[in-house]
Amino acid sequence: MSDRRLVVDSGYAASGIEETQPLVQTPAIRQLLREPYPYLHSILAMVVRCLDAISVSAGTLVVDWFEQSPFAHSGERGVEAASLVAVVVFCLFPKKSKLLAFPKIRRAKAQIRYLITPVFAACIAYVCFSAILLSDGIASLKMAAVWALFVCIALFAERSVLTFCLHQPSIVAKLRRRVAIVGTGAVATDLVNRLRSDAGQAYSLFGQFDDVAHYDADRKLDGTLDDLIHRSRREALHAIILAFPEAEDAETRVRNVAVFLKPVLSDIYVTPHLVSGFDRVLPCEFLGENAVFVIQRRPLSDVQLIEKAIVDFILALCVSIFLLPFLIGVAIAIKCDSKGPVFFRQPRIGKNGREFMVYKFRSMHTHMSDLMAERQTSRDDPRVTRIGKWLRRLSIDEVPQLLNVLKGEMSLVGPRPHAPHTRAGGLLLDDALAEYVLRYHVKPGITGWAQINGARGELVTIDDLKKRVAYDLDYIRRWSLVFDFRIMILTIVREVFSRHAF
C-alpha cells in the first residue's frame, strides 16, 4: 500500500503534499496494531550502519595482514587498494533501510537480506580491481573469496552480539515507542486493548486520556489533557493518537485538542474516521497495518538531536577550558565590586517545559536580586552593579551558561529561556501568545536567531514577544549545524556590542 508524505505544519513549517495513491478510507481502525509493526528507529539504524562498516573494515584488515604475511604468495601482495575499494563499495551501496526497522532487525532472515547484496557487490569490486592490479584472474578470485570469508565472519559476529543485545529487556524498553491514546469509545478502547495485549515489543501504552475526566468501559482514565502534558514532561512520550467517537463536531474537537497539545514534544496522529473533511491536507503514516494522519511532528529527528548535542558539548568544553583564566579574572572583579556570590542561579523554562537552574555571573546587588524575575531588567536599572553593567553590555554574564550546556540543559544556539514569571503586556508569556509554547520543542540556547537580529532585552509589549517568537520559530524550522555556526559567528560580531544589552 502506498503512503503519502509531507512536511507537517505545526506552527513553524509550511505544508506541502506528495500523493502517490488515494488513501482507502475505513470507518474505524479496529485492526490498528493487530500485528507488531516494525518502525525505523533512526538512532538504532545509524548505530547498525556504523557497526557494519567497522566490522567490514576489521575483516578487511585481517585479510590484508594475511596477504602480506610470509604465508602469502608474492604475487598476491600489494592489493590494499582493492580492499579499500571493496570497503567503500560496501558502505556506499544502496541498502534496504526498512530491514533495519525494530523489531524486524532481530530476525536472521532480515539481516541476511540486508547484508547479502552489498557484500556481493563489494566482492565483485574486489575481484575487478585486484585483477587489474595483478593481471591474474584466478589469484583475484581466490583473494576475493578470502576477503568475503573474513568479512562474513566479522559481520556474523557483530550481528550475533547485536541480536543478543536487542533481546535484552532494558534495551527493548528504550527502543519501544510509547503511545498515548486520547479519547473514549469503541475505537479508543480497541487501540488501548491492542497496545496492552498484542502490540508486540515495538509499542507500549503510555496511557489513555481525554479532554474531560470520566470513566470509560468500567475503568478510570489515566487523566485529562493537562495530566498528559504534565506527565509527558517527566516521562518519554513518542506518539499521541486522537481517537474520539464519531460526532458532528469531531473535526472541531480534533483541531481544539491538537492546539491544546502543541506544548507536548511528541508526534500527534488522528484516526482516519475523524478527518474525512480535511484528510487531503494531512500527511499519512502507517502504524500497525492501517493508516493514521499526522497532525504534529517533532521538529528535529533523533539523529539531528545527537548531532547538535555532540557539537554543543565539544565546543562548550573547549571554550570553557580556553576562557578559564579570563573567567577567573571576572570572578575576582565581581567579588571586589560588591558583596555576594560570584554566580547567580535562576529558574528558567527549558525543553518540553521543564524547569532548570540557569547559571550567570552575578550582575546585581545580592539584596536586590529578583530570583523569580517578576521584574525584568531595564536600562539604567539601579539593581545592577558597576561591574555588572559591563558584564551585561558585553554579554559576559551569560558565559557561565556553558555549564548548563555541559549538563545537557541548554544548547549553544536556541531560543533564549525565560523565567517562569516573565510577562509581556502584563500577561505571562504562555498566555500572551499561543505560539510561544512551540519554543519548548528544542533546548534553549545561550544565543539565538532572535538575539542576533536585535530581538532581545526587555519584553514590554505583546508585539515585542511576537517578534522574538517569530525569529525563534524560524530558527527551529531552518535548523542545521551550518545555521548554528553562522549564528555563533554573528553573535561574536553583533551581539557582544549590541546596544540592546543592559
Protein backbone atom coordinates (compact mmCIF):
# COMPACT_ATOMS: atom_id res chain seq x y z
CA MET A 1 0.00 0.00 0.00
CA SER A 2 1.40 3.42 -0.90
CA ASP A 3 1.77 6.17 1.64
CA ARG A 4 1.75 9.93 1.37
CA ARG A 5 4.46 12.14 2.78
CA LEU A 6 4.73 15.82 3.57
CA VAL A 7 6.36 18.32 5.89
CA VAL A 8 3.94 18.94 8.73
CA ASP A 9 2.76 22.41 9.64
CA SER A 10 2.90 22.59 13.44
CA GLY A 11 3.45 26.32 13.78
CA TYR A 12 6.92 26.64 12.24
CA ALA A 13 6.79 24.71 8.93
CA ALA A 14 4.83 25.14 5.75
CA SER A 15 2.81 22.22 4.44
CA GLY A 16 3.01 20.59 1.06
CA ILE A 17 1.91 17.16 -0.09
CA GLU A 18 3.10 14.49 -2.45
CA GLU A 19 0.34 12.00 -3.20
CA THR A 20 1.10 8.72 -4.94
CA GLN A 21 -2.20 6.91 -4.47
CA PRO A 22 -5.55 7.87 -2.94
CA LEU A 23 -5.83 6.58 0.60
CA VAL A 24 -8.53 4.00 1.21
CA GLN A 25 -10.75 5.31 3.99
CA THR A 26 -12.13 3.00 6.69
CA PRO A 27 -14.96 3.77 9.12
CA ALA A 28 -12.76 2.73 12.03
CA ILE A 29 -9.34 1.25 12.65
CA ARG A 30 -10.12 -1.85 14.67
CA GLN A 31 -7.20 -3.65 13.10
CA LEU A 32 -4.69 -0.98 14.12
CA LEU A 33 -1.67 -2.55 15.81
CA ARG A 34 -3.07 -6.03 15.16
CA GLU A 35 0.43 -7.19 14.26
CA PRO A 36 3.71 -5.98 15.75
CA TYR A 37 4.55 -3.42 13.08
CA PRO A 38 8.27 -2.53 12.90
CA TYR A 39 9.32 1.09 12.79
CA LEU A 40 12.66 2.59 11.81
CA HIS A 41 14.44 3.87 14.89
CA SER A 42 16.84 6.44 13.42
CA ILE A 43 19.50 6.15 16.14
CA LEU A 44 19.45 2.35 16.01
CA ALA A 45 19.75 2.41 12.22
CA MET A 46 22.70 4.81 12.42
CA VAL A 47 24.46 2.65 15.02
CA VAL A 48 23.93 -0.53 12.98
CA ARG A 49 25.33 1.07 9.82
CA CYS A 50 28.42 2.22 11.75
CA LEU A 51 28.92 -1.24 13.28
CA ASP A 52 28.61 -2.86 9.86
CA ALA A 53 31.24 -0.51 8.43
CA ILE A 54 33.58 -1.21 11.37
CA SER A 55 33.10 -4.98 11.02
CA VAL A 56 33.83 -4.94 7.29
CA SER A 57 36.90 -2.78 7.88
CA ALA A 58 38.12 -5.14 10.62
CA GLY A 59 37.65 -8.19 8.37
CA THR A 60 39.50 -6.38 5.58
CA LEU A 61 42.44 -5.57 7.86
CA VAL A 62 42.74 -9.23 8.77
CA VAL A 63 42.73 -10.19 5.08
CA ASP A 64 45.39 -7.57 4.27
CA TRP A 65 47.55 -8.85 7.11
CA PHE A 66 47.14 -12.39 5.80
CA GLU A 67 48.02 -11.36 2.26
CA GLN A 68 51.15 -9.53 3.47
CA SER A 69 52.25 -12.35 5.77
CA PRO A 70 55.09 -14.78 4.87
CA PHE A 71 52.42 -17.40 4.14
CA ALA A 72 51.07 -15.42 1.17
CA HIS A 73 52.37 -15.85 -2.37
CA SER A 74 54.50 -13.00 -3.59
CA GLY A 75 52.17 -12.28 -6.48
CA GLU A 76 49.28 -11.63 -4.08
CA ARG A 77 50.92 -8.73 -2.27
CA GLY A 78 50.15 -5.04 -2.73
CA VAL A 79 46.37 -5.25 -3.13
CA GLU A 80 45.43 -2.92 -0.27
CA ALA A 81 43.79 -0.64 -2.83
CA ALA A 82 41.41 -3.43 -3.84
CA SER A 83 40.47 -3.94 -0.20
CA LEU A 84 39.83 -0.22 0.24
CA VAL A 85 37.61 -0.14 -2.85
CA ALA A 86 35.61 -3.12 -1.53
CA VAL A 87 35.02 -1.41 1.83
CA VAL A 88 33.90 1.81 0.12
CA VAL A 89 31.53 -0.10 -2.17
CA PHE A 90 30.01 -1.90 0.81
CA CYS A 91 29.47 1.33 2.76
CA LEU A 92 28.05 3.31 -0.17
CA PHE A 93 25.99 0.56 -1.80
CA PRO A 94 22.22 1.29 -1.51
CA LYS A 95 20.62 -0.84 1.17
CA LYS A 96 17.03 -1.54 2.23
CA SER A 97 16.58 0.70 5.26
CA LYS A 98 13.28 -0.97 6.15
CA LEU A 99 15.21 -4.09 7.10
CA LEU A 100 16.75 -2.12 9.97
CA ALA A 101 13.30 -1.47 11.47
CA PHE A 102 12.74 -2.67 15.01
CA PRO A 103 11.96 -5.47 15.90
CA LYS A 104 12.42 -6.88 12.37
CA ILE A 105 16.16 -6.27 12.59
CA ARG A 106 16.43 -9.10 15.15
CA ARG A 107 15.37 -11.71 12.59
CA ALA A 108 18.16 -13.64 10.85
CA LYS A 109 16.33 -13.60 7.52
CA ALA A 110 16.04 -9.79 7.54
CA GLN A 111 19.72 -9.40 8.44
CA ILE A 112 20.83 -11.70 5.63
CA ARG A 113 18.63 -9.86 3.11
CA TYR A 114 20.13 -6.55 4.24
CA LEU A 115 23.78 -7.67 4.01
CA ILE A 116 23.96 -10.13 1.12
CA THR A 117 23.65 -7.63 -1.74
CA PRO A 118 26.25 -5.06 -0.56
CA VAL A 119 28.70 -7.85 0.37
CA PHE A 120 28.30 -9.42 -3.07
CA ALA A 121 28.74 -6.05 -4.79
CA ALA A 122 31.87 -5.32 -2.72
CA CYS A 123 33.25 -8.77 -3.58
CA ILE A 124 32.76 -8.12 -7.31
CA ALA A 125 34.55 -4.77 -6.93
CA TYR A 126 37.40 -6.55 -5.12
CA VAL A 127 37.77 -9.10 -7.95
CA CYS A 128 37.75 -6.46 -10.69
CA PHE A 129 40.18 -4.10 -9.02
CA SER A 130 42.63 -6.80 -7.90
CA ALA A 131 42.55 -8.37 -11.40
CA ILE A 132 43.62 -5.03 -12.84
CA LEU A 133 46.48 -4.79 -10.35
CA LEU A 134 47.67 -8.40 -10.62
CA SER A 135 46.64 -9.32 -14.18
CA ASP A 136 45.74 -12.72 -12.75
CA GLY A 137 42.05 -13.60 -12.64
CA ILE A 138 42.48 -16.84 -10.68
CA ALA A 139 44.51 -15.15 -7.94
CA SER A 140 41.95 -12.34 -7.79
CA LEU A 141 39.10 -14.81 -7.31
CA LYS A 142 41.00 -16.57 -4.52
CA MET A 143 41.72 -13.32 -2.69
CA ALA A 144 38.12 -12.15 -3.14
CA ALA A 145 36.92 -15.44 -1.66
CA VAL A 146 39.23 -14.98 1.32
CA TRP A 147 38.05 -11.38 1.72
CA ALA A 148 34.37 -12.41 1.60
CA LEU A 149 35.00 -15.21 4.13
CA PHE A 150 36.65 -12.98 6.73
CA VAL A 151 34.14 -10.14 6.19
CA CYS A 152 31.21 -12.54 6.60
CA ILE A 153 32.76 -13.91 9.80
CA ALA A 154 33.16 -10.35 11.15
CA LEU A 155 29.59 -9.42 10.20
CA PHE A 156 28.22 -12.65 11.68
CA ALA A 157 29.98 -11.96 14.99
CA GLU A 158 28.79 -8.33 15.05
CA ARG A 159 25.17 -9.16 14.20
CA SER A 160 25.10 -12.02 16.72
CA VAL A 161 26.13 -9.65 19.51
CA LEU A 162 23.69 -7.03 18.21
CA THR A 163 20.80 -9.50 18.13
CA PHE A 164 21.60 -10.63 21.67
CA CYS A 165 21.60 -7.02 22.88
CA LEU A 166 18.32 -6.23 21.09
CA HIS A 167 16.63 -9.06 23.01
CA GLN A 168 17.58 -7.59 26.39
CA PRO A 169 14.53 -6.14 28.21
CA SER A 170 16.35 -2.93 29.19
CA ILE A 171 17.31 -2.17 25.59
CA VAL A 172 13.89 -3.17 24.25
CA ALA A 173 12.33 -0.73 26.72
CA LYS A 174 14.50 2.07 25.31
CA LEU A 175 13.56 1.25 21.72
CA ARG A 176 9.86 0.70 22.36
CA ARG A 177 7.66 3.52 21.13
CA ARG A 178 5.36 4.80 23.88
CA VAL A 179 1.91 5.78 22.60
CA ALA A 180 -0.83 7.75 24.38
CA ILE A 181 -4.48 7.43 23.34
CA VAL A 182 -6.72 10.49 23.65
CA GLY A 183 -10.44 9.75 23.54
CA THR A 184 -13.04 7.22 24.56
CA GLY A 185 -15.43 4.90 22.77
CA ALA A 186 -15.02 1.77 20.68
CA VAL A 187 -12.05 2.90 18.57
CA ALA A 188 -10.06 4.24 21.52
CA THR A 189 -10.80 1.16 23.64
CA ASP A 190 -9.74 -1.12 20.81
CA LEU A 191 -6.46 0.74 20.42
CA VAL A 192 -5.81 0.58 24.15
CA ASN A 193 -6.50 -3.15 24.28
CA ARG A 194 -4.21 -3.87 21.34
CA LEU A 195 -1.41 -1.77 22.81
CA ARG A 196 -1.82 -3.55 26.15
CA SER A 197 -2.05 -7.08 24.82
CA ASP A 198 -0.79 -7.88 21.33
CA ALA A 199 1.16 -4.87 20.10
CA GLY A 200 4.44 -6.74 20.37
CA GLN A 201 7.67 -5.14 21.52
CA ALA A 202 7.61 -2.16 19.14
CA TYR A 203 4.92 -0.21 21.04
CA SER A 204 3.63 0.23 24.57
CA LEU A 205 0.73 2.14 26.10
CA PHE A 206 1.61 5.43 27.78
CA GLY A 207 -1.96 5.86 28.97
CA GLN A 208 -5.49 6.75 27.94
CA PHE A 209 -6.60 10.37 28.37
CA ASP A 210 -9.49 12.62 27.44
CA ASP A 211 -10.35 16.30 27.43
CA VAL A 212 -12.83 15.61 30.23
CA ALA A 213 -12.39 13.34 33.27
CA HIS A 214 -14.83 10.41 33.39
CA TYR A 215 -15.00 6.64 33.37
CA ASP A 216 -14.84 4.55 30.23
CA ALA A 217 -15.58 0.82 29.95
CA ASP A 218 -15.71 0.44 33.72
CA ARG A 219 -12.19 1.77 34.15
CA LYS A 220 -10.90 5.17 35.11
CA LEU A 221 -8.88 7.03 32.51
CA ASP A 222 -5.27 7.95 33.21
CA GLY A 223 -6.19 11.62 33.30
CA THR A 224 -7.13 14.70 31.33
CA LEU A 225 -5.12 16.56 28.72
CA ASP A 226 -3.49 18.60 31.48
CA ASP A 227 -2.35 15.36 33.11
CA LEU A 228 -0.98 14.16 29.77
CA ILE A 229 1.05 17.37 29.31
CA HIS A 230 2.48 17.30 32.84
CA ARG A 231 3.33 13.60 32.67
CA SER A 232 4.99 13.97 29.25
CA ARG A 233 7.49 16.37 30.85
CA ARG A 234 8.62 13.65 33.26
CA GLU A 235 8.43 10.52 31.07
CA ALA A 236 9.31 9.75 27.46
CA LEU A 237 6.35 10.01 25.06
CA HIS A 238 6.75 9.34 21.34
CA ALA A 239 3.25 9.48 19.88
CA ILE A 240 -0.30 10.57 20.67
CA ILE A 241 -3.31 9.18 18.78
CA LEU A 242 -6.57 11.13 18.85
CA ALA A 243 -9.42 8.60 18.69
CA PHE A 244 -12.68 10.28 19.66
CA PRO A 245 -16.13 8.81 18.97
CA GLU A 246 -17.68 9.90 15.70
CA ALA A 247 -19.81 13.02 16.08
CA GLU A 248 -20.84 16.10 14.15
CA ASP A 249 -18.26 18.25 15.95
CA ALA A 250 -15.46 15.66 15.75
CA GLU A 251 -13.27 17.71 13.41
CA THR A 252 -13.60 20.82 15.57
CA ARG A 253 -12.74 18.76 18.62
CA VAL A 254 -9.65 17.35 16.88
CA ARG A 255 -8.46 20.85 15.99
CA ASN A 256 -9.02 22.19 19.51
CA VAL A 257 -7.23 19.25 21.16
CA ALA A 258 -4.35 19.46 18.68
CA VAL A 259 -3.85 23.15 19.54
CA PHE A 260 -4.03 22.36 23.26
CA LEU A 261 -1.37 19.64 22.90
CA LYS A 262 1.11 21.81 21.00
CA PRO A 263 3.40 22.12 24.05
CA VAL A 264 3.90 18.33 24.08
CA LEU A 265 7.14 17.22 22.42
CA SER A 266 5.59 14.30 20.56
CA ASP A 267 4.22 13.23 17.20
CA ILE A 268 0.43 13.58 17.16
CA TYR A 269 -1.82 11.41 14.96
CA VAL A 270 -5.54 11.18 14.36
CA THR A 271 -7.59 8.16 13.29
CA PRO A 272 -8.97 8.28 9.70
CA HIS A 273 -12.64 8.15 10.68
CA LEU A 274 -12.33 11.61 12.30
CA VAL A 275 -10.81 13.54 9.40
CA SER A 276 -12.96 12.82 6.38
CA GLY A 277 -13.47 16.54 5.78
CA PHE A 278 -9.81 17.63 5.64
CA ASP A 279 -7.84 14.41 5.11
CA ARG A 280 -6.45 15.63 1.79
CA VAL A 281 -4.22 18.21 3.50
CA LEU A 282 -2.76 15.89 6.17
CA PRO A 283 0.22 13.53 5.84
CA CYS A 284 -0.31 9.83 6.28
CA GLU A 285 1.75 7.19 8.07
CA PHE A 286 1.17 3.54 8.87
CA LEU A 287 1.07 2.46 12.47
CA GLY A 288 0.39 -1.22 12.52
CA GLU A 289 -1.32 -2.32 9.34
CA ASN A 290 -3.60 0.69 8.89
CA ALA A 291 -3.18 4.40 8.37
CA VAL A 292 -3.19 7.35 10.73
CA PHE A 293 -2.88 11.01 9.82
CA VAL A 294 -0.12 13.24 11.20
CA ILE A 295 -1.11 16.49 12.89
CA GLN A 296 2.18 17.40 14.57
CA ARG A 297 5.73 16.15 14.21
CA ARG A 298 8.80 16.82 16.34
CA PRO A 299 10.98 19.47 14.64
CA LEU A 300 14.32 17.59 14.95
CA SER A 301 14.92 13.90 14.41
CA ASP A 302 16.79 11.74 16.93
CA VAL A 303 19.91 11.81 14.75
CA GLN A 304 19.78 15.61 14.45
CA LEU A 305 19.42 15.92 18.22
CA ILE A 306 22.51 13.75 18.72
CA GLU A 307 24.49 15.79 16.17
CA LYS A 308 23.53 19.03 17.90
CA ALA A 309 24.28 17.64 21.39
CA ILE A 310 27.74 16.38 20.36
CA VAL A 311 28.71 19.71 18.79
CA ASP A 312 27.37 21.60 21.80
CA PHE A 313 29.33 19.50 24.30
CA ILE A 314 32.63 19.59 22.40
CA LEU A 315 32.51 23.33 21.72
CA ALA A 316 31.33 24.19 25.24
CA LEU A 317 34.14 22.14 26.78
CA CYS A 318 36.81 23.68 24.53
CA VAL A 319 35.58 27.24 25.10
CA SER A 320 35.36 26.69 28.86
CA ILE A 321 38.97 25.50 29.02
CA PHE A 322 40.19 28.30 26.74
CA LEU A 323 38.38 31.04 28.73
CA LEU A 324 39.20 29.67 32.18
CA PRO A 325 41.86 32.32 33.06
CA PHE A 326 39.57 35.11 31.86
CA LEU A 327 36.61 33.73 33.82
CA ILE A 328 38.72 33.59 36.98
CA GLY A 329 39.56 37.26 36.45
CA VAL A 330 35.87 38.12 36.05
CA ALA A 331 35.04 36.24 39.26
CA ILE A 332 37.68 38.21 41.17
CA ALA A 333 36.31 41.51 39.79
CA ILE A 334 32.76 40.61 40.88
CA LYS A 335 33.91 39.79 44.42
CA CYS A 336 35.88 43.04 44.66
CA ASP A 337 32.99 45.16 43.32
CA SER A 338 30.20 44.06 45.69
CA LYS A 339 29.38 41.55 48.39
CA GLY A 340 27.76 38.28 47.44
CA PRO A 341 28.38 35.10 45.42
CA VAL A 342 30.09 35.10 42.04
CA PHE A 343 27.31 33.17 40.33
CA PHE A 344 23.60 33.84 40.20
CA ARG A 345 21.24 30.88 39.75
CA GLN A 346 17.72 31.43 38.49
CA PRO A 347 14.92 29.04 37.42
CA ARG A 348 14.19 29.01 33.70
CA ILE A 349 11.85 27.00 31.47
CA GLY A 350 13.65 24.67 29.08
CA LYS A 351 12.90 21.93 26.60
CA ASN A 352 9.47 20.30 26.94
CA GLY A 353 8.51 22.92 29.55
CA ARG A 354 10.87 21.55 32.22
CA GLU A 355 12.35 23.96 34.72
CA PHE A 356 16.10 24.11 35.32
CA MET A 357 18.51 26.42 37.13
CA VAL A 358 20.49 28.66 34.78
CA TYR A 359 23.98 29.91 35.74
CA LYS A 360 25.04 33.53 35.23
CA PHE A 361 27.70 35.84 36.59
CA ARG A 362 26.05 37.96 39.28
CA SER A 363 25.46 41.41 37.83
CA MET A 364 23.13 42.80 40.54
CA HIS A 365 23.49 43.60 44.20
CA THR A 366 22.67 40.44 46.14
CA HIS A 367 19.92 42.02 48.28
CA MET A 368 18.21 43.38 45.13
CA SER A 369 18.30 40.19 43.06
CA ASP A 370 14.96 39.05 41.67
CA LEU A 371 15.10 35.23 41.76
CA MET A 372 11.75 34.65 40.04
CA ALA A 373 12.22 37.50 37.52
CA GLU A 374 8.91 39.10 38.38
CA ARG A 375 10.50 42.39 37.34
CA GLN A 376 12.51 42.44 34.11
CA THR A 377 15.82 44.25 33.91
CA SER A 378 15.55 47.69 32.31
CA ARG A 379 18.09 50.19 31.03
CA ASP A 380 19.90 52.04 33.87
CA ASP A 381 18.43 49.56 36.38
CA PRO A 382 19.63 50.62 39.88
CA ARG A 383 19.95 46.96 40.91
CA VAL A 384 22.87 46.42 38.50
CA THR A 385 26.38 46.74 39.96
CA ARG A 386 29.21 48.73 38.36
CA ILE A 387 30.99 45.66 37.03
CA GLY A 388 27.61 44.09 36.26
CA LYS A 389 26.82 46.90 33.84
CA TRP A 390 29.79 45.94 31.67
CA LEU A 391 29.18 42.25 32.08
CA ARG A 392 25.67 42.70 30.73
CA ARG A 393 26.68 45.12 27.98
CA LEU A 394 29.28 42.66 26.64
CA SER A 395 27.06 39.62 27.39
CA ILE A 396 29.83 38.18 29.57
CA ASP A 397 27.28 37.43 32.31
CA GLU A 398 25.87 34.69 30.06
CA VAL A 399 29.18 32.78 29.72
CA PRO A 400 28.62 30.53 32.81
CA GLN A 401 25.69 29.01 30.93
CA LEU A 402 28.34 26.85 29.29
CA LEU A 403 27.87 24.76 32.46
CA ASN A 404 24.21 24.31 31.53
CA VAL A 405 25.30 23.20 28.06
CA LEU A 406 27.72 20.64 29.50
CA LYS A 407 24.90 19.35 31.75
CA GLY A 408 22.62 18.93 28.72
CA GLU A 409 20.07 21.50 29.90
CA MET A 410 20.85 24.08 27.22
CA SER A 411 22.34 24.37 23.76
CA LEU A 412 24.84 26.88 22.43
CA VAL A 413 22.19 28.10 19.97
CA GLY A 414 18.44 28.10 20.50
CA PRO A 415 15.55 30.21 21.81
CA ARG A 416 16.60 32.15 24.90
CA PRO A 417 14.99 30.70 28.07
CA HIS A 418 12.73 32.89 30.17
CA ALA A 419 11.96 32.74 33.87
CA PRO A 420 8.55 31.23 34.83
CA HIS A 421 7.04 34.58 35.86
CA THR A 422 8.22 36.67 32.91
CA ARG A 423 5.44 38.81 31.46
CA ALA A 424 4.74 40.77 28.30
CA GLY A 425 1.91 43.28 28.17
CA GLY A 426 1.01 42.29 31.73
CA LEU A 427 0.43 38.62 30.80
CA LEU A 428 2.51 35.50 31.36
CA LEU A 429 4.26 34.58 28.12
CA ASP A 430 2.32 31.33 27.63
CA ASP A 431 -0.94 33.24 27.97
CA ALA A 432 0.16 36.24 25.93
CA LEU A 433 0.93 34.26 22.74
CA ALA A 434 -0.27 30.76 21.86
CA GLU A 435 2.72 30.05 19.58
CA TYR A 436 5.14 30.70 22.44
CA VAL A 437 4.89 27.09 23.66
CA LEU A 438 6.40 25.82 20.39
CA ARG A 439 9.76 27.12 21.62
CA TYR A 440 9.72 24.28 24.16
CA HIS A 441 10.27 21.76 21.35
CA VAL A 442 14.04 22.39 21.38
CA LYS A 443 16.63 23.15 24.06
CA PRO A 444 17.04 26.83 24.93
CA GLY A 445 20.31 28.44 23.87
CA ILE A 446 22.94 30.85 25.12
CA THR A 447 22.43 32.80 21.92
CA GLY A 448 19.84 32.59 19.19
CA TRP A 449 18.50 33.82 15.86
CA ALA A 450 16.29 36.37 17.63
CA GLN A 451 19.19 37.85 19.61
CA ILE A 452 21.48 38.50 16.65
CA ASN A 453 18.56 40.16 14.83
CA GLY A 454 18.07 42.64 17.67
CA ALA A 455 15.05 40.95 19.28
CA ARG A 456 16.38 40.93 22.83
CA GLY A 457 16.15 42.94 26.01
CA GLU A 458 13.03 43.72 27.99
CA LEU A 459 9.65 42.38 26.80
CA VAL A 460 7.32 45.34 27.20
CA THR A 461 4.50 44.69 24.74
CA ILE A 462 2.91 41.72 23.04
CA ASP A 463 4.48 42.91 19.78
CA ASP A 464 7.93 42.53 21.36
CA LEU A 465 7.07 38.94 22.22
CA LYS A 466 5.63 38.20 18.76
CA LYS A 467 8.79 39.46 17.08
CA ARG A 468 11.02 37.32 19.26
CA VAL A 469 8.89 34.18 18.90
CA ALA A 470 8.75 34.64 15.11
CA TYR A 471 12.54 34.53 14.95
CA ASP A 472 12.68 31.53 17.31
CA LEU A 473 10.21 29.50 15.25
CA ASP A 474 12.04 30.46 12.07
CA TYR A 475 15.24 29.12 13.64
CA ILE A 476 13.56 25.81 14.55
CA ARG A 477 12.19 25.45 11.03
CA ARG A 478 15.56 26.19 9.37
CA TRP A 479 17.82 24.33 11.81
CA SER A 480 21.09 22.85 10.63
CA LEU A 481 24.60 22.67 12.05
CA VAL A 482 25.74 25.21 9.46
CA PHE A 483 22.98 27.58 10.62
CA ASP A 484 24.12 27.14 14.23
CA PHE A 485 27.72 28.01 13.34
CA ARG A 486 26.51 31.05 11.40
CA ILE A 487 24.57 32.29 14.42
CA MET A 488 27.55 31.76 16.74
CA ILE A 489 29.83 33.77 14.45
CA LEU A 490 27.27 36.56 14.09
CA THR A 491 26.86 36.60 17.87
CA ILE A 492 30.52 37.47 18.30
CA VAL A 493 30.32 40.13 15.59
CA ARG A 494 27.00 41.73 16.54
CA GLU A 495 25.70 40.70 19.92
CA VAL A 496 28.75 41.47 22.06
CA PHE A 497 28.46 45.10 21.02
CA SER A 498 24.65 45.24 20.92
CA ARG A 499 23.00 48.42 22.12
CA HIS A 500 20.06 46.32 23.34
CA ALA A 501 22.16 44.67 26.07
CA PHE A 502 21.80 46.20 29.52
